[in-house]
Amino acid sequence: MTWHWIGLALIFSLTPFPADLAMITGRIPERLRTRLTPTRTRGWAVLALYAVAPLNAIPRMAGSPAITLAATAVAGIVAVTGCVVAAIPALRTAKTA
């Protein structure tokens, strides 16, 4: 079961990592720029959302309920922060339109 959690944490956190870094640095294809604006903000938001996977999976291997509960609380805060960061640009464009 331990290897299962390690695999989940690695797959769900490392798979989107190169795409997130590309969005944060602004290096995305021109044809996607119109759909992904603002790219840096979305890159940070997606990175925060995918950081939740290792925050939930890795402490479960420790076996301590207190550590698992604390890491799950931190993961929830990170997920909410990612959602807010993703929603703010959409709300700004809706107000100006």
PDB file of N, CA and C in Angstrom:
ATOM      1  N   MET A   1       0.815  -1.196   0.000  1.00  0.00           N
ATOM      2  CA  MET A   1       0.000   0.000   0.000  1.00  0.00           C
ATOM      3  C   MET A   1       0.859   1.260   0.000  1.00  0.00           C
ATOM      4  N   THR A   2       2.033   1.182   0.596  1.00  0.00           N
ATOM      5  CA  THR A   2       2.925   2.342   0.637  1.00  0.00           C
ATOM      6  C   THR A   2       3.340   2.754  -0.767  1.00  0.00           C
ATOM      7  N   TRP A   3       3.649   1.804  -1.598  1.00  0.00           N
ATOM      8  CA  TRP A   3       4.064   2.124  -2.967  1.00  0.00           C
ATOM      9  C   TRP A   3       2.924   2.736  -3.761  1.00  0.00           C
ATOM     10  N   HIS A   4       1.716   2.349  -3.418  1.00  0.00           N
ATOM     11  CA  HIS A   4       0.556   2.927  -4.076  1.00  0.00           C
ATOM     12  C   HIS A   4       0.472   4.425  -3.783  1.00  0.00           C
ATOM     13  N   TRP A   5       0.662   4.822  -2.530  1.00  0.00           N
ATOM     14  CA  TRP A   5       0.606   6.239  -2.162  1.00  0.00           C
ATOM     15  C   TRP A   5       1.766   7.011  -2.774  1.00  0.00           C
ATOM     16  N   ILE A   6       2.935   6.408  -2.810  1.00  0.00           N
ATOM     17  CA  ILE A   6       4.087   7.072  -3.427  1.00  0.00           C
ATOM     18  C   ILE A   6       3.830   7.299  -4.910  1.00  0.00           C
ATOM     19  N   GLY A   7       3.287   6.284  -5.589  1.00  0.00           N
ATOM     20  CA  GLY A   7       2.971   6.431  -7.010  1.00  0.00           C
ATOM     21  C   GLY A   7       1.931   7.503  -7.266  1.00  0.00           C
ATOM     22  N   LEU A   8       0.897   7.557  -6.448  1.00  0.00           N
ATOM     23  CA  LEU A   8      -0.116   8.595  -6.597  1.00  0.00           C
ATOM     24  C   LEU A   8       0.470   9.988  -6.403  1.00  0.00           C
ATOM     25  N   ALA A   9       1.279  10.135  -5.395  1.00  0.00           N
ATOM     26  CA  ALA A   9       1.868  11.445  -5.130  1.00  0.00           C
ATOM     27  C   ALA A   9       2.772  11.884  -6.261  1.00  0.00           C
ATOM     28  N   LEU A  10       3.562  10.971  -6.784  1.00  0.00           N
ATOM     29  CA  LEU A  10       4.479  11.336  -7.868  1.00  0.00           C
ATOM     30  C   LEU A  10       3.752  11.604  -9.178  1.00  0.00           C
ATOM     31  N   ILE A  11       2.822  10.742  -9.520  1.00  0.00           N
ATOM     32  CA  ILE A  11       2.117  10.904 -10.791  1.00  0.00           C
ATOM     33  C   ILE A  11       1.287  12.173 -10.808  1.00  0.00           C
ATOM     34  N   PHE A  12       0.528  12.414  -9.748  1.00  0.00           N
ATOM     35  CA  PHE A  12      -0.371  13.556  -9.743  1.00  0.00           C
ATOM     36  C   PHE A  12       0.313  14.877  -9.442  1.00  0.00           C
ATOM     37  N   SER A  13       1.544  14.849  -8.956  1.00  0.00           N
ATOM     38  CA  SER A  13       2.225  16.108  -8.712  1.00  0.00           C
ATOM     39  C   SER A  13       3.295  16.409  -9.760  1.00  0.00           C
ATOM     40  N   LEU A  14       3.945  15.400 -10.287  1.00  0.00           N
ATOM     41  CA  LEU A  14       5.017  15.653 -11.255  1.00  0.00           C
ATOM     42  C   LEU A  14       4.547  15.706 -12.698  1.00  0.00           C
ATOM     43  N   THR A  15       3.405  15.115 -13.006  1.00  0.00           N
ATOM     44  CA  THR A  15       2.921  15.120 -14.380  1.00  0.00           C
ATOM     45  C   THR A  15       2.616  16.523 -14.895  1.00  0.00           C
ATOM     46  N   PRO A  16       1.861  17.348 -14.184  1.00  0.00           N
ATOM     47  CA  PRO A  16       1.580  18.687 -14.705  1.00  0.00           C
ATOM     48  C   PRO A  16       2.659  19.709 -14.396  1.00  0.00           C
ATOM     49  N   PHE A  17       3.709  19.327 -13.674  1.00  0.00           N
ATOM     50  CA  PHE A  17       4.724  20.282 -13.251  1.00  0.00           C
ATOM     51  C   PHE A  17       5.409  21.004 -14.408  1.00  0.00           C
ATOM     52  N   PRO A  18       5.843  20.326 -15.486  1.00  0.00           N
ATOM     53  CA  PRO A  18       6.463  21.069 -16.597  1.00  0.00           C
ATOM     54  C   PRO A  18       5.509  22.055 -17.269  1.00  0.00           C
ATOM     55  N   ALA A  19       4.259  21.680 -17.413  1.00  0.00           N
ATOM     56  CA  ALA A  19       3.289  22.592 -18.017  1.00  0.00           C
ATOM     57  C   ALA A  19       3.043  23.802 -17.128  1.00  0.00           C
ATOM     58  N   ASP A  20       2.990  23.580 -15.814  1.00  0.00           N
ATOM     59  CA  ASP A  20       2.803  24.694 -14.883  1.00  0.00           C
ATOM     60  C   ASP A  20       3.987  25.652 -14.930  1.00  0.00           C
ATOM     61  N   LEU A  21       5.188  25.102 -14.960  1.00  0.00           N
ATOM     62  CA  LEU A  21       6.370  25.968 -15.040  1.00  0.00           C
ATOM     63  C   LEU A  21       6.395  26.757 -16.332  1.00  0.00           C
ATOM     64  N   ALA A  22       5.974  26.136 -17.425  1.00  0.00           N
ATOM     65  CA  ALA A  22       5.920  26.852 -18.696  1.00  0.00           C
ATOM     66  C   ALA A  22       4.906  27.985 -18.636  1.00  0.00           C
ATOM     67  N   MET A  23       3.774  27.747 -17.997  1.00  0.00           N
ATOM     68  CA  MET A  23       2.773  28.799 -17.881  1.00  0.00           C
ATOM     69  C   MET A  23       3.251  29.920 -16.969  1.00  0.00           C
ATOM     70  N   ILE A  24       3.950  29.581 -15.884  1.00  0.00           N
ATOM     71  CA  ILE A  24       4.435  30.598 -14.964  1.00  0.00           C
ATOM     72  C   ILE A  24       5.478  31.489 -15.634  1.00  0.00           C
ATOM     73  N   THR A  25       6.340  30.897 -16.445  1.00  0.00           N
ATOM     74  CA  THR A  25       7.367  31.689 -17.121  1.00  0.00           C
ATOM     75  C   THR A  25       6.856  32.354 -18.384  1.00  0.00           C
ATOM     76  N   GLY A  26       5.639  32.025 -18.813  1.00  0.00           N
ATOM     77  CA  GLY A  26       5.062  32.650 -20.001  1.00  0.00           C
ATOM     78  C   GLY A  26       5.460  31.991 -21.308  1.00  0.00           C
ATOM     79  N   ARG A  27       6.005  30.811 -21.252  1.00  0.00           N
ATOM     80  CA  ARG A  27       6.445  30.099 -22.462  1.00  0.00           C
ATOM     81  C   ARG A  27       5.400  29.081 -22.887  1.00  0.00           C
ATOM     82  N   ILE A  28       4.369  29.557 -23.527  1.00  0.00           N
ATOM     83  CA  ILE A  28       3.350  28.670 -24.065  1.00  0.00           C
ATOM     84  C   ILE A  28       3.163  28.996 -25.531  1.00  0.00           C
ATOM     85  N   PRO A  29       2.628  28.070 -26.313  1.00  0.00           N
ATOM     86  CA  PRO A  29       2.437  28.331 -27.745  1.00  0.00           C
ATOM     87  C   PRO A  29       1.503  29.509 -27.990  1.00  0.00           C
ATOM     88  N   GLU A  30       1.748  30.212 -29.064  1.00  0.00           N
ATOM     89  CA  GLU A  30       0.953  31.404 -29.394  1.00  0.00           C
ATOM     90  C   GLU A  30      -0.530  31.075 -29.578  1.00  0.00           C
ATOM     91  N   ARG A  31      -0.826  29.907 -30.113  1.00  0.00           N
ATOM     92  CA  ARG A  31      -2.228  29.563 -30.361  1.00  0.00           C
ATOM     93  C   ARG A  31      -3.011  29.340 -29.074  1.00  0.00           C
ATOM     94  N   LEU A  32      -2.312  29.094 -27.964  1.00  0.00           N
ATOM     95  CA  LEU A  32      -2.986  28.901 -26.687  1.00  0.00           C
ATOM     96  C   LEU A  32      -3.038  30.167 -25.842  1.00  0.00           C
ATOM     97  N   ARG A  33      -2.338  31.196 -26.243  1.00  0.00           N
ATOM     98  CA  ARG A  33      -2.277  32.412 -25.419  1.00  0.00           C
ATOM     99  C   ARG A  33      -3.633  33.077 -25.240  1.00  0.00           C
ATOM    100  N   THR A  34      -4.484  33.044 -26.252  1.00  0.00           N
ATOM    101  CA  THR A  34      -5.778  33.710 -26.114  1.00  0.00           C
ATOM    102  C   THR A  34      -6.699  32.970 -25.156  1.00  0.00           C
ATOM    103  N   ARG A  35      -6.562  31.649 -25.086  1.00  0.00           N
ATOM    104  CA  ARG A  35      -7.428  30.867 -24.199  1.00  0.00           C
ATOM    105  C   ARG A  35      -6.909  30.806 -22.774  1.00  0.00           C
ATOM    106  N   LEU A  36      -5.622  30.998 -22.573  1.00  0.00           N
ATOM    107  CA  LEU A  36      -5.034  30.809 -21.256  1.00  0.00           C
ATOM    108  C   LEU A  36      -4.638  32.115 -20.568  1.00  0.00           C
ATOM    109  N   THR A  37      -5.154  33.234 -21.018  1.00  0.00           N
ATOM    110  CA  THR A  37      -4.770  34.483 -20.369  1.00  0.00           C
ATOM    111  C   THR A  37      -5.475  34.618 -19.041  1.00  0.00           C
ATOM    112  N   PRO A  38      -4.885  35.146 -18.046  1.00  0.00           N
ATOM    113  CA  PRO A  38      -3.464  35.405 -17.851  1.00  0.00           C
ATOM    114  C   PRO A  38      -2.724  34.100 -17.516  1.00  0.00           C
ATOM    115  N   THR A  39      -1.690  33.822 -18.231  1.00  0.00           N
ATOM    116  CA  THR A  39      -1.031  32.524 -18.122  1.00  0.00           C
ATOM    117  C   THR A  39      -0.289  32.345 -16.805  1.00  0.00           C
ATOM    118  N   ARG A  40       0.376  33.372 -16.331  1.00  0.00           N
ATOM    119  CA  ARG A  40       1.151  33.202 -15.093  1.00  0.00           C
ATOM    120  C   ARG A  40       0.242  32.939 -13.901  1.00  0.00           C
ATOM    121  N   THR A  41      -0.858  33.631 -13.843  1.00  0.00           N
ATOM    122  CA  THR A  41      -1.790  33.417 -12.741  1.00  0.00           C
ATOM    123  C   THR A  41      -2.370  32.017 -12.786  1.00  0.00           C
ATOM    124  N   ARG A  42      -2.727  31.567 -13.961  1.00  0.00           N
ATOM    125  CA  ARG A  42      -3.260  30.196 -14.082  1.00  0.00           C
ATOM    126  C   ARG A  42      -2.205  29.155 -13.767  1.00  0.00           C
ATOM    127  N   GLY A  43      -0.967  29.434 -14.127  1.00  0.00           N
ATOM    128  CA  GLY A  43       0.115  28.509 -13.803  1.00  0.00           C
ATOM    129  C   GLY A  43       0.271  28.322 -12.301  1.00  0.00           C
ATOM    130  N   TRP A  44       0.240  29.433 -11.563  1.00  0.00           N
ATOM    131  CA  TRP A  44       0.328  29.340 -10.101  1.00  0.00           C
ATOM    132  C   TRP A  44      -0.884  28.641  -9.513  1.00  0.00           C
ATOM    133  N   ALA A  45      -2.059  28.898 -10.065  1.00  0.00           N
ATOM    134  CA  ALA A  45      -3.279  28.267  -9.548  1.00  0.00           C
ATOM    135  C   ALA A  45      -3.254  26.762  -9.759  1.00  0.00           C
ATOM    136  N   VAL A  46      -2.871  26.338 -10.942  1.00  0.00           N
ATOM    137  CA  VAL A  46      -2.823  24.892 -11.223  1.00  0.00           C
ATOM    138  C   VAL A  46      -1.736  24.225 -10.403  1.00  0.00           C
ATOM    139  N   LEU A  47      -0.615  24.905 -10.231  1.00  0.00           N
ATOM    140  CA  LEU A  47       0.453  24.353  -9.399  1.00  0.00           C
ATOM    141  C   LEU A  47      -0.012  24.176  -7.957  1.00  0.00           C
ATOM    142  N   ALA A  48      -0.771  25.126  -7.440  1.00  0.00           N
ATOM    143  CA  ALA A  48      -1.300  24.999  -6.079  1.00  0.00           C
ATOM    144  C   ALA A  48      -2.301  23.846  -5.982  1.00  0.00           C
ATOM    145  N   LEU A  49      -3.139  23.697  -6.999  1.00  0.00           N
ATOM    146  CA  LEU A  49      -4.123  22.618  -6.960  1.00  0.00           C
ATOM    147  C   LEU A  49      -3.468  21.240  -7.024  1.00  0.00           C
ATOM    148  N   TYR A  50      -2.426  21.099  -7.803  1.00  0.00           N
ATOM    149  CA  TYR A  50      -1.763  19.807  -7.900  1.00  0.00           C
ATOM    150  C   TYR A  50      -0.802  19.557  -6.754  1.00  0.00           C
ATOM    151  N   ALA A  51      -0.462  20.578  -5.985  1.00  0.00           N
ATOM    152  CA  ALA A  51       0.379  20.371  -4.806  1.00  0.00           C
ATOM    153  C   ALA A  51      -0.393  19.677  -3.693  1.00  0.00           C
ATOM    154  N   VAL A  52      -1.693  19.615  -3.825  1.00  0.00           N
ATOM    155  CA  VAL A  52      -2.521  18.968  -2.808  1.00  0.00           C
ATOM    156  C   VAL A  52      -2.284  17.453  -2.792  1.00  0.00           C
ATOM    157  N   ALA A  53      -1.987  16.855  -3.926  1.00  0.00           N
ATOM    158  CA  ALA A  53      -1.803  15.397  -3.988  1.00  0.00           C
ATOM    159  C   ALA A  53      -0.666  14.916  -3.085  1.00  0.00           C
ATOM    160  N   PRO A  54       0.539  15.482  -3.178  1.00  0.00           N
ATOM    161  CA  PRO A  54       1.568  14.992  -2.253  1.00  0.00           C
ATOM    162  C   PRO A  54       1.305  15.390  -0.802  1.00  0.00           C
ATOM    163  N   LEU A  55       0.617  16.524  -0.594  1.00  0.00           N
ATOM    164  CA  LEU A  55       0.307  16.915   0.777  1.00  0.00           C
ATOM    165  C   LEU A  55      -0.667  15.945   1.438  1.00  0.00           C
ATOM    166  N   ASN A  56      -1.491  15.296   0.659  1.00  0.00           N
ATOM    167  CA  ASN A  56      -2.401  14.300   1.208  1.00  0.00           C
ATOM    168  C   ASN A  56      -1.785  12.909   1.250  1.00  0.00           C
ATOM    169  N   ALA A  57      -0.963  12.572   0.287  1.00  0.00           N
ATOM    170  CA  ALA A  57      -0.477  11.196   0.167  1.00  0.00           C
ATOM    171  C   ALA A  57       0.743  10.907   1.037  1.00  0.00           C
ATOM    172  N   ILE A  58       1.694  11.787   1.055  1.00  0.00           N
ATOM    173  CA  ILE A  58       2.954  11.489   1.745  1.00  0.00           C
ATOM    174  C   ILE A  58       2.777  11.370   3.263  1.00  0.00           C
ATOM    175  N   PRO A  59       2.035  12.260   3.935  1.00  0.00           N
ATOM    176  CA  PRO A  59       1.880  12.078   5.387  1.00  0.00           C
ATOM    177  C   PRO A  59       1.112  10.822   5.791  1.00  0.00           C
ATOM    178  N   ARG A  60       0.315  10.299   4.913  1.00  0.00           N
ATOM    179  CA  ARG A  60      -0.417   9.073   5.239  1.00  0.00           C
ATOM    180  C   ARG A  60       0.524   7.890   5.416  1.00  0.00           C
ATOM    181  N   MET A  61       1.695   7.974   4.790  1.00  0.00           N
ATOM    182  CA  MET A  61       2.676   6.911   4.954  1.00  0.00           C
ATOM    183  C   MET A  61       3.322   6.961   6.330  1.00  0.00           C
ATOM    184  N   ALA A  62       3.314   8.128   6.978  1.00  0.00           N
ATOM    185  CA  ALA A  62       3.907   8.243   8.302  1.00  0.00           C
ATOM    186  C   ALA A  62       3.098   7.483   9.340  1.00  0.00           C
ATOM    187  N   GLY A  63       1.794   7.397   9.130  1.00  0.00           N
ATOM    188  CA  GLY A  63       0.955   6.617  10.018  1.00  0.00           C
ATOM    189  C   GLY A  63       0.444   7.375  11.226  1.00  0.00           C
ATOM    190  N   SER A  64       0.909   8.564  11.444  1.00  0.00           N
ATOM    191  CA  SER A  64       0.454   9.337  12.594  1.00  0.00           C
ATOM    192  C   SER A  64      -0.824  10.098  12.242  1.00  0.00           C
ATOM    193  N   PRO A  65      -1.888   9.900  13.005  1.00  0.00           N
ATOM    194  CA  PRO A  65      -3.134  10.615  12.707  1.00  0.00           C
ATOM    195  C   PRO A  65      -3.001  12.131  12.833  1.00  0.00           C
ATOM    196  N   ALA A  66      -2.181  12.594  13.767  1.00  0.00           N
ATOM    197  CA  ALA A  66      -2.014  14.040  13.954  1.00  0.00           C
ATOM    198  C   ALA A  66      -1.317  14.669  12.747  1.00  0.00           C
ATOM    199  N   ILE A  67      -0.297  14.013  12.238  1.00  0.00           N
ATOM    200  CA  ILE A  67       0.417  14.531  11.061  1.00  0.00           C
ATOM    201  C   ILE A  67      -0.495  14.498   9.841  1.00  0.00           C
ATOM    202  N   THR A  68      -1.246  13.428   9.693  1.00  0.00           N
ATOM    203  CA  THR A  68      -2.166  13.315   8.567  1.00  0.00           C
ATOM    204  C   THR A  68      -3.236  14.397   8.613  1.00  0.00           C
ATOM    205  N   LEU A  69      -3.779  14.654   9.788  1.00  0.00           N
ATOM    206  CA  LEU A  69      -4.795  15.685   9.938  1.00  0.00           C
ATOM    207  C   LEU A  69      -4.233  17.074   9.644  1.00  0.00           C
ATOM    208  N   ALA A  70      -3.037  17.349  10.134  1.00  0.00           N
ATOM    209  CA  ALA A  70      -2.421  18.659   9.880  1.00  0.00           C
ATOM    210  C   ALA A  70      -2.111  18.841   8.401  1.00  0.00           C
ATOM    211  N   ALA A  71      -1.584  17.806   7.764  1.00  0.00           N
ATOM    212  CA  ALA A  71      -1.264  17.912   6.337  1.00  0.00           C
ATOM    213  C   ALA A  71      -2.530  18.042   5.488  1.00  0.00           C
ATOM    214  N   THR A  72      -3.601  17.381   5.885  1.00  0.00           N
ATOM    215  CA  THR A  72      -4.856  17.512   5.161  1.00  0.00           C
ATOM    216  C   THR A  72      -5.427  18.919   5.309  1.00  0.00           C
ATOM    217  N   ALA A  73      -5.275  19.503   6.478  1.00  0.00           N
ATOM    218  CA  ALA A  73      -5.724  20.886   6.678  1.00  0.00           C
ATOM    219  C   ALA A  73      -4.916  21.851   5.819  1.00  0.00           C
ATOM    220  N   VAL A  74      -3.608  21.649   5.759  1.00  0.00           N
ATOM    221  CA  VAL A  74      -2.762  22.495   4.909  1.00  0.00           C
ATOM    222  C   VAL A  74      -3.126  22.295   3.446  1.00  0.00           C
ATOM    223  N   ALA A  75      -3.388  21.055   3.055  1.00  0.00           N
ATOM    224  CA  ALA A  75      -3.779  20.780   1.670  1.00  0.00           C
ATOM    225  C   ALA A  75      -5.093  21.467   1.326  1.00  0.00           C
ATOM    226  N   GLY A  76      -6.019  21.496   2.256  1.00  0.00           N
ATOM    227  CA  GLY A  76      -7.279  22.194   2.016  1.00  0.00           C
ATOM    228  C   GLY A  76      -7.070  23.686   1.824  1.00  0.00           C
ATOM    229  N   ILE A  77      -6.206  24.273   2.626  1.00  0.00           N
ATOM    230  CA  ILE A  77      -5.900  25.705   2.487  1.00  0.00           C
ATOM    231  C   ILE A  77      -5.236  25.982   1.151  1.00  0.00           C
ATOM    232  N   VAL A  78      -4.307  25.120   0.747  1.00  0.00           N
ATOM    233  CA  VAL A  78      -3.621  25.293  -0.545  1.00  0.00           C
ATOM    234  C   VAL A  78      -4.614  25.156  -1.697  1.00  0.00           C
ATOM    235  N   ALA A  79      -5.541  24.205  -1.596  1.00  0.00           N
ATOM    236  CA  ALA A  79      -6.542  24.017  -2.654  1.00  0.00           C
ATOM    237  C   ALA A  79      -7.472  25.217  -2.764  1.00  0.00           C
ATOM    238  N   VAL A  80      -7.909  25.741  -1.641  1.00  0.00           N
ATOM    239  CA  VAL A  80      -8.774  26.923  -1.669  1.00  0.00           C
ATOM    240  C   VAL A  80      -8.018  28.123  -2.232  1.00  0.00           C
ATOM    241  N   THR A  81      -6.757  28.265  -1.866  1.00  0.00           N
ATOM    242  CA  THR A  81      -5.942  29.352  -2.408  1.00  0.00           C
ATOM    243  C   THR A  81      -5.804  29.231  -3.923  1.00  0.00           C
ATOM    244  N   GLY A  82      -5.570  28.016  -4.416  1.00  0.00           N
ATOM    245  CA  GLY A  82      -5.479  27.810  -5.859  1.00  0.00           C
ATOM    246  C   GLY A  82      -6.769  28.147  -6.577  1.00  0.00           C
ATOM    247  N   CYS A  83      -7.890  27.785  -5.979  1.00  0.00           N
ATOM    248  CA  CYS A  83      -9.186  28.103  -6.590  1.00  0.00           C
ATOM    249  C   CYS A  83      -9.438  29.609  -6.608  1.00  0.00           C
ATOM    250  N   VAL A  84      -9.081  30.284  -5.531  1.00  0.00           N
ATOM    251  CA  VAL A  84      -9.264  31.741  -5.481  1.00  0.00           C
ATOM    252  C   VAL A  84      -8.368  32.433  -6.495  1.00  0.00           C
ATOM    253  N   VAL A  85      -7.117  31.994  -6.598  1.00  0.00           N
ATOM    254  CA  VAL A  85      -6.189  32.585  -7.567  1.00  0.00           C
ATOM    255  C   VAL A  85      -6.689  32.359  -8.987  1.00  0.00           C
ATOM    256  N   ALA A  86      -7.311  31.213  -9.246  1.00  0.00           N
ATOM    257  CA  ALA A  86      -7.854  30.944 -10.574  1.00  0.00           C
ATOM    258  C   ALA A  86      -9.117  31.755 -10.853  1.00  0.00           C
ATOM    259  N   ALA A  87      -9.890  32.051  -9.821  1.00  0.00           N
ATOM    260  CA  ALA A  87     -11.166  32.742 -10.017  1.00  0.00           C
ATOM    261  C   ALA A  87     -11.031  34.254 -10.130  1.00  0.00           C
ATOM    262  N   ILE A  88     -10.015  34.829  -9.519  1.00  0.00           N
ATOM    263  CA  ILE A  88      -9.885  36.289  -9.503  1.00  0.00           C
ATOM    264  C   ILE A  88      -9.789  36.888 -10.903  1.00  0.00           C
ATOM    265  N   PRO A  89      -8.946  36.384 -11.810  1.00  0.00           N
ATOM    266  CA  PRO A  89      -8.914  36.981 -13.158  1.00  0.00           C
ATOM    267  C   PRO A  89     -10.238  36.858 -13.895  1.00  0.00           C
ATOM    268  N   ALA A  90     -10.949  35.769 -13.693  1.00  0.00           N
ATOM    269  CA  ALA A  90     -12.250  35.614 -14.350  1.00  0.00           C
ATOM    270  C   ALA A  90     -13.247  36.624 -13.815  1.00  0.00           C
ATOM    271  N   LEU A  91     -13.204  36.900 -12.529  1.00  0.00           N
ATOM    272  CA  LEU A  91     -14.099  37.898 -11.960  1.00  0.00           C
ATOM    273  C   LEU A  91     -13.752  39.311 -12.427  1.00  0.00           C
ATOM    274  N   ARG A  92     -12.454  39.571 -12.578  1.00  0.00           N
ATOM    275  CA  ARG A  92     -12.040  40.892 -13.055  1.00  0.00           C
ATOM    276  C   ARG A  92     -12.488  41.142 -14.487  1.00  0.00           C
ATOM    277  N   THR A  93     -12.377  40.140 -15.347  1.00  0.00           N
ATOM    278  CA  THR A  93     -12.793  40.328 -16.733  1.00  0.00           C
ATOM    279  C   THR A  93     -14.315  40.417 -16.845  1.00  0.00           C
ATOM    280  N   ALA A  94     -15.032  39.744 -15.949  1.00  0.00           N
ATOM    281  CA  ALA A  94     -16.491  39.805 -15.970  1.00  0.00           C
ATOM    282  C   ALA A  94     -16.972  41.188 -15.542  1.00  0.00           C
ATOM    283  N   LYS A  95     -16.268  41.831 -14.633  1.00  0.00           N
ATOM    284  CA  LYS A  95     -16.658  43.165 -14.184  1.00  0.00           C
ATOM    285  C   LYS A  95     -16.365  44.239 -15.228  1.00  0.00           C
ATOM    286  N   THR A  96     -15.279  44.057 -15.987  1.00  0.00           N
ATOM    287  CA  THR A  96     -14.910  45.062 -16.989  1.00  0.00           C
ATOM    288  C   THR A  96     -15.690  44.900 -18.284  1.00  0.00           C
ATOM    289  N   ALA A  97     -16.266  43.735 -18.508  1.00  0.00           N
ATOM    290  CA  ALA A  97     -17.002  43.493 -19.758  1.00  0.00           C
ATOM    291  C   ALA A  97     -18.380  44.058 -19.726  1.00  0.00           C
TER     292      ALA A  97
END
